[in-house]
C-alpha cells in the first residue's frame, strides 16, 4: 500500500531542524550579548557615573558568564555620590536595554536583530532581576554586598522597597521582550497553533540562558544559586510569555532557511567575544589581569622602625590593583607618585598620629610583598617617610602604650604591619603578634588575609631599655 504523505509530515522534520538551529543561534548570540551587557553595567554605569562625579575610575573586569567588577575611588565621596555610583549600573541596564529594544525594531537583518534582542534582554532582565533578588537576599541574610545593599544604605531606601521596584520592572520587561522575540522569529517558525508558538519562542529564549549559567557554574561554582536563577528566569519567561499576543502560521513550503551570512555573523560575534574575554580579562575575576586604566594603591605593607625617643622611619610598600596579576605589567611603567605619596602620608598620619611626616625617598623595589595570604616576589612601589614623633600614651609603671589604627578599615585593610623596636622593649601586644629578635633589636609583625579577620587597630605596650 503506497504511503500517503501529508503536508504536516512534510513540515515536521524541517520545522524541528529549524528550531534546533534557532536554539543554537540563540545560545551563540547570548554570549557576546551578555559580554556587552557586562560592559553596559560596569563601564557605562558605575565607571561613567563615577567619572562624571569627579572620581577616579581606575579598573574593571567584564565577563559574559560570571561576576563583573568596576573599581571607582570613592574614598572622599559623599554618601549621595556613593549611592549614585552604585545605582549607576542598574540604571544603565534599564536605560540602555530600553534603547536597544527600540533600536532592534529598525534592523532588517536577522543577525543584528537577534544580537540586539539578547543584549537588551541581558540588560533589562539582568538589571531588574538583580535589583529584585539581591535586595531580598540582603534583607533576609543581612549580607552587606551587592549594588542594591549599598543603594539602600546610602540613599536610606528600604531593601524591600527596592525589591518591589525591581519586580515592577522585571515583569513588564519579560512581557515586552517576549513580544519582540516572537515578532523576530515569526518568519522562522512554522507553528500551527498558539501553544506550539509560545513553547517554541520560550524554548529558544531559554536556550540562550542555559550555556551562560552552565559555564558560570563551572568557573565560579555556586551551582545551586546559578540553577535557581536559571529556573526563576525560565519560569518567568514561560508564565509571562503566555500573556503576550503571538501570531501563528503554517506555510506549505515550511519556514525559509537561515542565510549562511546571518549564521556566520552571529558565530563571528561569539568567537570575538570569547577571544576578548579570555585574552584581555581572563576567565574569572579572582585570576584576572582585567583592564587597569590607571595605577591605584590597593595593597599595602607597612614597615615601621621606632626609636627610643619615639621618632620613626616608616616604609610603605604598595602594590596597585585591584587584580593580583596586574603588577608584572605595571611594574615597568611610570607611576603617579603623587598618589602614592598622598596615600602614604594619610596612612602614616592615621596610624602614628603625626601630621609632620617628611618624605625621604620613593622607589620601585624588588623585595617580597605580602597579600592575599602569601608572599609574592617582584617588589612594590615604596614610599619612605620620617616621623618626628609617634603618638604614645604613658601608662602606669613608666611604660608606653602605642595604638596604631588601621586607616583602611572598614572597606579595606593593611595587608601586613612590621614594627621594629630599637632601644625599646616590647611588653605586650594586641592582637597577638609574631615576634623575632636580632641582637638588641626586637621585631613584631602581623600578616593579614581579609577585612573580616584583620584587626581594626594594633596595640603595643613598650618600655625603654635601661
Protein backbone atom coordinates (compact mmCIF):
# COMPACT_ATOMS: atom_id res chain seq x y z
CA UNK A 1 0.00 0.00 0.00
CA UNK A 2 1.52 3.31 -1.02
CA UNK A 3 2.35 5.75 1.80
CA UNK A 4 0.32 8.95 1.74
CA UNK A 5 2.42 11.99 2.78
CA UNK A 6 0.53 14.85 4.41
CA UNK A 7 1.61 18.46 4.47
CA UNK A 8 2.13 18.27 8.23
CA UNK A 9 4.52 15.34 7.83
CA UNK A 10 6.46 17.24 5.18
CA UNK A 11 6.84 20.21 7.52
CA UNK A 12 7.74 18.19 10.60
CA UNK A 13 11.41 17.31 10.13
CA UNK A 14 12.30 20.67 8.61
CA UNK A 15 10.45 22.56 11.34
CA UNK A 16 12.20 20.61 14.10
CA UNK A 17 15.59 21.08 12.46
CA UNK A 18 14.89 24.78 12.04
CA UNK A 19 14.03 25.19 15.70
CA UNK A 20 17.19 23.40 16.75
CA UNK A 21 19.19 25.71 14.51
CA UNK A 22 17.47 28.72 16.05
CA UNK A 23 18.17 27.41 19.56
CA UNK A 24 21.85 27.03 18.70
CA UNK A 25 21.96 30.53 17.23
CA UNK A 26 20.28 31.86 20.38
CA UNK A 27 22.99 30.26 22.52
CA UNK A 28 25.69 31.80 20.31
CA UNK A 29 24.02 35.23 20.23
CA UNK A 30 23.52 35.31 24.00
CA UNK A 31 27.26 35.00 24.65
CA UNK A 32 28.52 38.25 23.04
CA UNK A 33 25.32 40.00 24.12
CA UNK A 34 25.98 39.06 27.75
CA UNK A 35 29.55 40.35 27.35
CA UNK A 36 28.18 43.65 26.01
CA UNK A 37 25.74 43.74 28.92
CA UNK A 38 28.64 43.46 31.38
CA UNK A 39 30.28 46.49 29.74
CA UNK A 40 26.98 48.37 29.93
CA UNK A 41 26.69 47.74 33.66
CA UNK A 42 30.30 48.25 34.74
CA UNK A 43 31.68 50.88 32.34
CA UNK A 44 28.66 52.95 31.24
CA UNK A 45 27.04 52.50 34.64
CA UNK A 46 29.44 52.53 37.58
CA UNK A 47 32.51 53.85 35.77
CA UNK A 48 30.97 56.71 33.80
CA UNK A 49 28.86 57.92 36.72
CA UNK A 50 31.97 57.93 38.92
CA UNK A 51 33.93 59.95 36.35
CA UNK A 52 31.07 62.45 35.90
CA UNK A 53 31.05 62.98 39.66
CA UNK A 54 34.79 63.71 39.59
CA UNK A 55 36.12 60.42 40.94
CA UNK A 56 38.75 58.06 39.56
CA UNK A 57 37.52 55.03 37.60
CA UNK A 58 40.72 53.04 37.65
CA UNK A 59 39.96 49.43 36.67
CA UNK A 60 37.27 46.99 35.60
CA UNK A 61 36.70 43.34 34.78
CA UNK A 62 33.99 42.18 32.37
CA UNK A 63 32.80 38.61 31.89
CA UNK A 64 29.95 37.22 29.76
CA UNK A 65 29.35 34.35 32.18
CA UNK A 66 30.31 35.40 35.69
CA UNK A 67 30.90 38.22 38.13
CA UNK A 68 31.99 41.52 36.59
CA UNK A 69 33.53 44.35 38.59
CA UNK A 70 34.19 48.10 38.34
CA UNK A 71 36.56 49.98 40.64
CA UNK A 72 35.95 53.64 41.43
CA UNK A 73 37.84 55.56 44.11
CA UNK A 74 35.10 56.80 46.43
CA UNK A 75 37.31 57.47 49.44
CA UNK A 76 36.39 61.16 49.63
CA UNK A 77 32.89 60.89 48.16
CA UNK A 78 29.71 61.94 49.95
CA UNK A 79 27.08 59.31 50.67
CA UNK A 80 24.81 60.54 47.88
CA UNK A 81 27.70 60.23 45.41
CA UNK A 82 28.41 56.67 46.56
CA UNK A 83 24.72 55.90 46.17
CA UNK A 84 24.66 57.27 42.62
CA UNK A 85 27.75 55.29 41.58
CA UNK A 86 26.26 52.07 42.96
CA UNK A 87 22.91 52.80 41.33
CA UNK A 88 24.54 53.67 38.01
CA UNK A 89 25.00 50.05 36.96
CA UNK A 90 21.35 49.03 37.28
CA UNK A 91 20.11 52.37 35.92
CA UNK A 92 22.28 51.99 32.82
CA UNK A 93 21.00 48.43 32.37
CA UNK A 94 17.40 49.64 32.23
CA UNK A 95 18.04 52.71 30.06
CA UNK A 96 20.39 51.05 27.58
CA UNK A 97 18.20 47.95 27.44
CA UNK A 98 15.15 50.03 26.51
CA UNK A 99 17.17 51.89 23.85
CA UNK A 100 18.45 48.64 22.34
CA UNK A 101 14.97 47.17 22.28
CA UNK A 102 13.73 50.17 20.30
CA UNK A 103 16.76 50.04 18.01
CA UNK A 104 16.32 46.34 17.23
CA UNK A 105 12.98 47.10 15.59
CA UNK A 106 14.78 49.16 12.95
CA UNK A 107 17.12 46.33 11.99
CA UNK A 108 16.24 44.43 8.80
CA UNK A 109 18.72 41.57 9.05
CA UNK A 110 18.09 38.61 11.33
CA UNK A 111 21.58 38.50 12.92
CA UNK A 112 21.67 42.08 14.28
CA UNK A 113 18.06 41.73 15.42
CA UNK A 114 18.86 38.60 17.44
CA UNK A 115 22.08 40.06 18.88
CA UNK A 116 20.37 43.30 19.92
CA UNK A 117 17.48 41.34 21.43
CA UNK A 118 19.76 39.30 23.70
CA UNK A 119 21.78 42.40 24.65
CA UNK A 120 18.54 44.19 25.55
CA UNK A 121 17.32 41.11 27.43
CA UNK A 122 20.58 40.81 29.37
CA UNK A 123 20.36 44.47 30.37
CA UNK A 124 16.63 44.73 31.14
CA UNK A 125 16.08 41.32 32.71
CA UNK A 126 19.52 41.17 34.30
CA UNK A 127 19.33 44.65 35.83
CA UNK A 128 15.77 44.39 37.15
CA UNK A 129 16.19 40.84 38.50
CA UNK A 130 19.48 41.84 40.17
CA UNK A 131 17.69 44.69 41.94
CA UNK A 132 14.76 42.48 42.94
CA UNK A 133 16.55 39.31 44.02
CA UNK A 134 19.67 40.82 45.60
CA UNK A 135 17.54 43.20 47.69
CA UNK A 136 15.52 40.29 49.08
CA UNK A 137 18.71 38.29 49.68
CA UNK A 138 20.36 41.14 51.62
CA UNK A 139 17.18 41.69 53.63
CA UNK A 140 16.87 38.03 54.63
CA UNK A 141 20.56 37.21 55.17
CA UNK A 142 21.93 40.57 56.28
CA UNK A 143 24.62 40.32 53.61
CA UNK A 144 26.45 43.63 53.13
CA UNK A 145 27.31 43.18 49.47
CA UNK A 146 25.85 43.93 46.07
CA UNK A 147 24.70 47.16 44.47
CA UNK A 148 21.17 47.04 45.96
CA UNK A 149 22.54 46.84 49.52
CA UNK A 150 24.73 49.92 49.02
CA UNK A 151 21.93 51.80 47.25
CA UNK A 152 19.73 51.08 50.26
CA UNK A 153 22.42 52.14 52.71
CA UNK A 154 23.49 55.39 51.06
CA UNK A 155 20.02 56.55 49.95
CA UNK A 156 18.28 55.15 53.05
CA UNK A 157 15.71 53.30 50.97
CA UNK A 158 14.32 50.05 52.48
CA UNK A 159 15.56 46.91 50.76
CA UNK A 160 12.04 45.59 50.32
CA UNK A 161 11.08 48.81 48.53
CA UNK A 162 14.00 48.32 46.14
CA UNK A 163 12.91 44.73 45.61
CA UNK A 164 9.41 45.88 44.72
CA UNK A 165 10.84 48.36 42.19
CA UNK A 166 12.94 45.56 40.70
CA UNK A 167 9.99 43.20 40.27
CA UNK A 168 7.87 46.07 38.91
CA UNK A 169 10.44 46.49 36.14
CA UNK A 170 11.16 42.78 35.70
CA UNK A 171 7.68 41.54 34.74
CA UNK A 172 6.95 44.19 32.06
CA UNK A 173 10.46 43.67 30.67
CA UNK A 174 9.81 39.95 30.17
CA UNK A 175 6.46 40.73 28.52
CA UNK A 176 7.81 43.32 26.07
CA UNK A 177 10.89 41.23 25.25
CA UNK A 178 8.79 38.13 24.62
CA UNK A 179 6.63 40.05 22.13
CA UNK A 180 9.77 41.36 20.42
CA UNK A 181 11.33 37.89 20.12
CA UNK A 182 8.06 36.41 18.84
CA UNK A 183 7.97 39.02 16.06
CA UNK A 184 11.65 38.45 15.27
CA UNK A 185 11.07 34.70 14.92
CA UNK A 186 7.67 34.94 13.22
CA UNK A 187 9.04 34.18 9.75
CA UNK A 188 11.35 31.46 11.06
CA UNK A 189 8.82 29.30 12.90
CA UNK A 190 6.16 27.03 11.44
CA UNK A 191 3.60 26.76 14.26
CA UNK A 192 0.00 25.60 13.63
CA UNK A 193 -1.35 26.88 16.97
CA UNK A 194 -0.68 29.38 19.74
CA UNK A 195 0.53 26.81 22.28
CA UNK A 196 3.22 25.50 19.96
CA UNK A 197 4.31 29.02 19.06
CA UNK A 198 4.57 30.01 22.74
CA UNK A 199 6.55 26.87 23.52
CA UNK A 200 8.93 27.47 20.61
CA UNK A 201 9.64 31.11 21.45
CA UNK A 202 10.12 30.27 25.15
CA UNK A 203 12.46 27.37 24.35
CA UNK A 204 14.60 29.46 22.00
CA UNK A 205 14.93 32.27 24.55
CA UNK A 206 15.77 29.86 27.38
CA UNK A 207 18.33 28.07 25.19
CA UNK A 208 20.28 31.33 25.22
CA UNK A 209 20.34 31.36 29.03
CA UNK A 210 21.41 27.77 29.72
CA UNK A 211 25.00 27.86 28.36
CA UNK A 212 25.72 31.15 30.17
CA UNK A 213 24.70 29.73 33.56
CA UNK A 214 26.39 26.38 32.88
CA UNK A 215 29.76 27.99 32.08
CA UNK A 216 29.37 30.35 35.04
CA UNK A 217 28.77 27.44 37.42
CA UNK A 218 31.75 25.55 36.01
CA UNK A 219 34.11 28.51 36.50
CA UNK A 220 32.83 30.08 39.71
CA UNK A 221 30.97 27.25 41.46
CA UNK A 222 27.78 28.17 43.31
CA UNK A 223 25.82 25.63 41.27
CA UNK A 224 22.74 25.93 43.47
CA UNK A 225 22.35 29.70 43.10
CA UNK A 226 23.04 29.56 39.35
CA UNK A 227 20.44 26.83 38.89
CA UNK A 228 17.85 28.71 40.94
CA UNK A 229 18.40 31.87 38.88
CA UNK A 230 18.05 29.89 35.65
CA UNK A 231 14.83 28.25 36.86
CA UNK A 232 13.44 31.58 38.05
CA UNK A 233 14.09 33.31 34.73
CA UNK A 234 12.86 30.33 32.71
CA UNK A 235 9.63 30.09 34.69
CA UNK A 236 9.10 33.83 34.32
CA UNK A 237 9.58 33.63 30.54
CA UNK A 238 7.07 30.78 30.24
CA UNK A 239 4.45 32.30 32.56
CA UNK A 240 4.65 35.92 31.40
CA UNK A 241 5.07 34.83 27.78
CA UNK A 242 1.64 33.18 27.84
CA UNK A 243 0.13 36.62 28.39
CA UNK A 244 1.73 38.04 25.26
CA UNK A 245 -0.02 38.09 21.87
CA UNK A 246 1.62 35.89 19.25
CA UNK A 247 0.99 35.12 15.60
CA UNK A 248 0.70 31.58 14.25
CA UNK A 249 1.01 30.50 10.65
CA UNK A 250 1.75 27.41 8.61
CA UNK A 251 3.26 27.56 5.15
CA UNK A 252 3.25 24.59 2.83
CA UNK A 253 6.87 25.17 1.92
CA UNK A 254 7.91 25.48 5.55
CA UNK A 255 9.91 28.35 7.09
CA UNK A 256 12.72 29.84 4.99
CA UNK A 257 16.21 28.50 5.70
CA UNK A 258 18.66 30.66 7.61
CA UNK A 259 21.09 32.55 5.42
CA UNK A 260 24.69 31.48 5.83
CA UNK A 261 25.79 35.09 6.22
CA UNK A 262 23.47 35.56 9.20
CA UNK A 263 24.75 32.39 10.86
CA UNK A 264 28.35 33.41 10.16
CA UNK A 265 27.79 36.90 11.62
CA UNK A 266 26.43 35.56 14.91
CA UNK A 267 29.14 32.90 15.12
CA UNK A 268 31.84 35.51 14.48
CA UNK A 269 30.44 37.74 17.23
CA UNK A 270 30.57 34.81 19.67
CA UNK A 271 34.17 33.94 18.73
CA UNK A 272 35.34 37.56 19.04
CA UNK A 273 33.63 37.91 22.43
CA UNK A 274 35.23 34.70 23.72
CA UNK A 275 38.68 35.76 22.49
CA UNK A 276 38.35 39.22 24.06
CA UNK A 277 37.08 37.80 27.35
CA UNK A 278 39.82 35.19 27.75
CA UNK A 279 42.61 37.23 26.16
CA UNK A 280 42.02 40.65 27.70
CA UNK A 281 40.32 39.83 31.00
CA UNK A 282 40.79 36.16 31.95
CA UNK A 283 38.22 33.52 32.91
CA UNK A 284 37.32 34.75 36.43
CA UNK A 285 37.74 37.96 38.42
CA UNK A 286 39.86 36.12 41.02
CA UNK A 287 42.51 35.09 38.47
CA UNK A 288 42.11 38.03 36.07
CA UNK A 289 44.51 40.70 34.92
CA UNK A 290 41.48 42.79 33.93
CA UNK A 291 41.80 46.29 32.49
CA UNK A 292 43.73 48.76 34.66
CA UNK A 293 43.09 52.31 33.47
CA UNK A 294 45.45 53.90 35.99
CA UNK A 295 47.51 52.75 38.95
CA UNK A 296 45.78 52.82 42.29
CA UNK A 297 47.28 51.62 45.61
CA UNK A 298 45.24 48.57 46.53
CA UNK A 299 47.60 46.55 48.78
CA UNK A 300 49.99 47.92 51.41
CA UNK A 301 52.74 46.54 53.65
CA UNK A 302 53.74 48.91 56.47
CA UNK A 303 57.24 48.64 57.97
CA UNK A 304 57.95 50.99 60.89
CA UNK A 305 61.23 51.40 62.78
CA UNK A 306 60.57 53.15 66.11
CA UNK A 307 63.46 54.50 68.18
CA UNK A 308 63.72 55.11 71.93
CA UNK A 309 62.89 58.82 71.52
CA UNK A 310 59.73 57.81 69.56
CA UNK A 311 60.98 59.13 66.25
CA UNK A 312 60.38 56.67 63.44
CA UNK A 313 61.02 55.82 59.85
CA UNK A 314 58.08 54.22 58.07
CA UNK A 315 58.32 52.48 54.73
CA UNK A 316 55.05 51.85 52.97
CA UNK A 317 55.17 49.33 50.15
CA UNK A 318 52.22 49.50 47.77
CA UNK A 319 51.04 47.26 45.01
CA UNK A 320 48.46 48.57 42.58
CA UNK A 321 45.35 46.55 41.99
CA UNK A 322 42.69 45.52 42.12
CA UNK A 323 43.82 42.45 40.19
CA UNK A 324 46.58 40.33 41.69
CA UNK A 325 48.05 39.55 38.27
CA UNK A 326 48.25 43.19 37.14
CA UNK A 327 51.56 44.08 38.83
CA UNK A 328 54.00 42.41 36.38
CA UNK A 329 52.57 44.51 33.54
CA UNK A 330 52.60 47.73 35.59
CA UNK A 331 55.97 47.48 37.31
CA UNK A 332 57.98 48.89 34.41
CA UNK A 333 55.64 51.83 33.79
CA UNK A 334 55.92 55.34 35.24
CA UNK A 335 53.56 55.62 38.23
CA UNK A 336 51.73 58.65 39.56
CA UNK A 337 53.95 59.12 42.58
CA UNK A 338 51.81 61.95 43.92
CA UNK A 339 49.00 59.45 44.50
CA UNK A 340 51.29 57.02 46.35
CA UNK A 341 52.88 59.77 48.46
CA UNK A 342 49.48 61.22 49.34
CA UNK A 343 48.20 57.80 50.42
CA UNK A 344 51.39 57.11 52.40
CA UNK A 345 51.04 60.41 54.29
CA UNK A 346 47.40 59.66 55.09
CA UNK A 347 48.23 56.18 56.41
CA UNK A 348 51.20 57.39 58.45
CA UNK A 349 49.20 60.26 59.94
CA UNK A 350 46.34 57.98 60.95
CA UNK A 351 48.46 55.12 62.30
CA UNK A 352 51.25 57.00 64.06
CA UNK A 353 49.48 60.27 64.91
CA UNK A 354 51.82 62.62 63.11
CA UNK A 355 50.93 65.35 60.64
CA UNK A 356 54.52 66.42 60.13
CA UNK A 357 55.83 63.37 58.28
CA UNK A 358 58.64 64.09 55.83
CA UNK A 359 59.20 62.32 52.53
CA UNK A 360 62.64 60.70 52.45
CA UNK A 361 62.52 58.62 49.29
CA UNK A 362 60.28 56.88 46.78
CA UNK A 363 61.23 53.98 44.54
CA UNK A 364 60.15 50.75 42.89
CA UNK A 365 61.74 47.84 44.73
CA UNK A 366 62.24 44.13 44.14
CA UNK A 367 61.60 42.64 47.57
CA UNK A 368 58.89 40.26 48.72
CA UNK A 369 55.37 41.53 49.28
CA UNK A 370 52.58 40.03 51.38
CA UNK A 371 48.99 39.99 50.17
CA UNK A 372 46.12 37.57 49.66
CA UNK A 373 47.52 35.06 52.12
CA UNK A 374 51.03 34.56 50.72
CA UNK A 375 54.34 36.21 49.89
CA UNK A 376 54.84 37.42 46.34
CA UNK A 377 58.12 38.21 44.59
CA UNK A 378 58.58 41.15 42.27
CA UNK A 379 58.68 44.13 44.61
CA UNK A 380 56.35 47.09 45.02
CA UNK A 381 56.11 50.88 44.92
CA UNK A 382 57.84 52.10 48.09
CA UNK A 383 57.49 55.41 49.93
CA UNK A 384 59.85 56.14 52.85
CA UNK A 385 58.74 58.69 55.46
CA UNK A 386 60.37 60.15 58.57
CA UNK A 387 58.02 60.73 61.50
CA UNK A 388 59.14 63.30 64.12
CA UNK A 389 57.20 61.72 67.00
CA UNK A 390 54.97 58.67 67.27
CA UNK A 391 51.73 59.08 69.23
CA UNK A 392 52.03 57.31 72.60
CA UNK A 393 50.34 57.33 75.99
CA UNK A 394 52.36 56.93 79.17
CA UNK A 395 50.86 54.23 81.36
CA UNK A 396 51.46 53.11 84.94
CA UNK A 397 54.99 51.99 85.63
CA UNK A 398 56.51 54.25 83.00
CA UNK A 399 55.56 52.04 80.09
CA UNK A 400 54.28 53.49 76.83
CA UNK A 401 51.12 52.38 75.03
CA UNK A 402 51.13 52.70 71.24
CA UNK A 403 47.77 52.44 69.44
CA UNK A 404 48.04 52.06 65.68
CA UNK A 405 44.60 52.11 63.97
CA UNK A 406 44.14 50.62 60.51
CA UNK A 407 43.16 53.62 58.33
CA UNK A 408 41.85 51.42 55.51
CA UNK A 409 39.11 49.87 57.63
CA UNK A 410 36.25 49.05 57.18
CA UNK A 411 36.39 48.97 53.38
CA UNK A 412 39.92 47.56 53.20
CA UNK A 413 42.82 46.60 55.43
CA UNK A 414 46.58 46.83 55.87
CA UNK A 415 47.98 43.59 54.44
CA UNK A 416 50.93 43.45 56.81
CA UNK A 417 52.40 45.52 59.63
CA UNK A 418 56.02 45.10 60.75
CA UNK A 419 57.29 47.14 63.71
CA UNK A 420 60.99 47.21 64.60
CA UNK A 421 61.84 48.47 68.11
CA UNK A 422 65.29 49.97 68.77
CA UNK A 423 66.00 50.99 72.36
CA UNK A 424 62.55 49.79 73.36
CA UNK A 425 61.38 46.50 74.85
CA UNK A 426 58.02 45.00 73.93
CA UNK A 427 55.89 44.17 76.97
CA UNK A 428 52.69 43.03 75.24
CA UNK A 429 50.73 43.34 72.01
CA UNK A 430 47.13 43.02 70.90
CA UNK A 431 46.14 41.20 68.85
CA UNK A 432 48.77 38.56 69.38
CA UNK A 433 51.69 39.05 67.02
CA UNK A 434 54.69 37.14 65.73
CA UNK A 435 57.99 38.10 67.41
CA UNK A 436 61.60 37.97 66.30
CA UNK A 437 64.87 39.16 67.84
CA UNK A 438 68.20 40.16 66.33
CA UNK A 439 70.66 41.20 68.99
CA UNK A 440 69.14 44.12 70.90
CA UNK A 441 66.56 44.77 68.18
CA UNK A 442 63.02 43.43 68.53
CA UNK A 443 60.61 42.80 65.66
CA UNK A 444 56.87 42.31 65.85
CA UNK A 445 54.64 41.75 62.85
CA UNK A 446 51.13 40.82 61.71
CA UNK A 447 50.14 39.20 58.41
CA UNK A 448 46.52 39.72 57.36
CA UNK A 449 44.33 37.99 54.80
CA UNK A 450 40.94 39.72 54.78
CA UNK A 451 38.92 42.66 56.06
CA UNK A 452 36.86 40.38 58.30
CA UNK A 453 39.79 38.78 60.10
CA UNK A 454 42.23 41.70 60.31
CA UNK A 455 42.19 43.94 63.42
CA UNK A 456 40.81 47.48 63.46
CA UNK A 457 43.80 48.60 65.50
CA UNK A 458 47.12 47.32 66.85
CA UNK A 459 48.21 47.95 70.44
CA UNK A 460 51.77 47.68 71.67
CA UNK A 461 52.95 48.27 75.23
CA UNK A 462 56.68 49.06 75.29
CA UNK A 463 59.25 50.16 77.84
CA UNK A 464 62.56 51.91 77.40
CA UNK A 465 65.58 49.69 77.85
CA UNK A 466 67.84 50.62 80.72
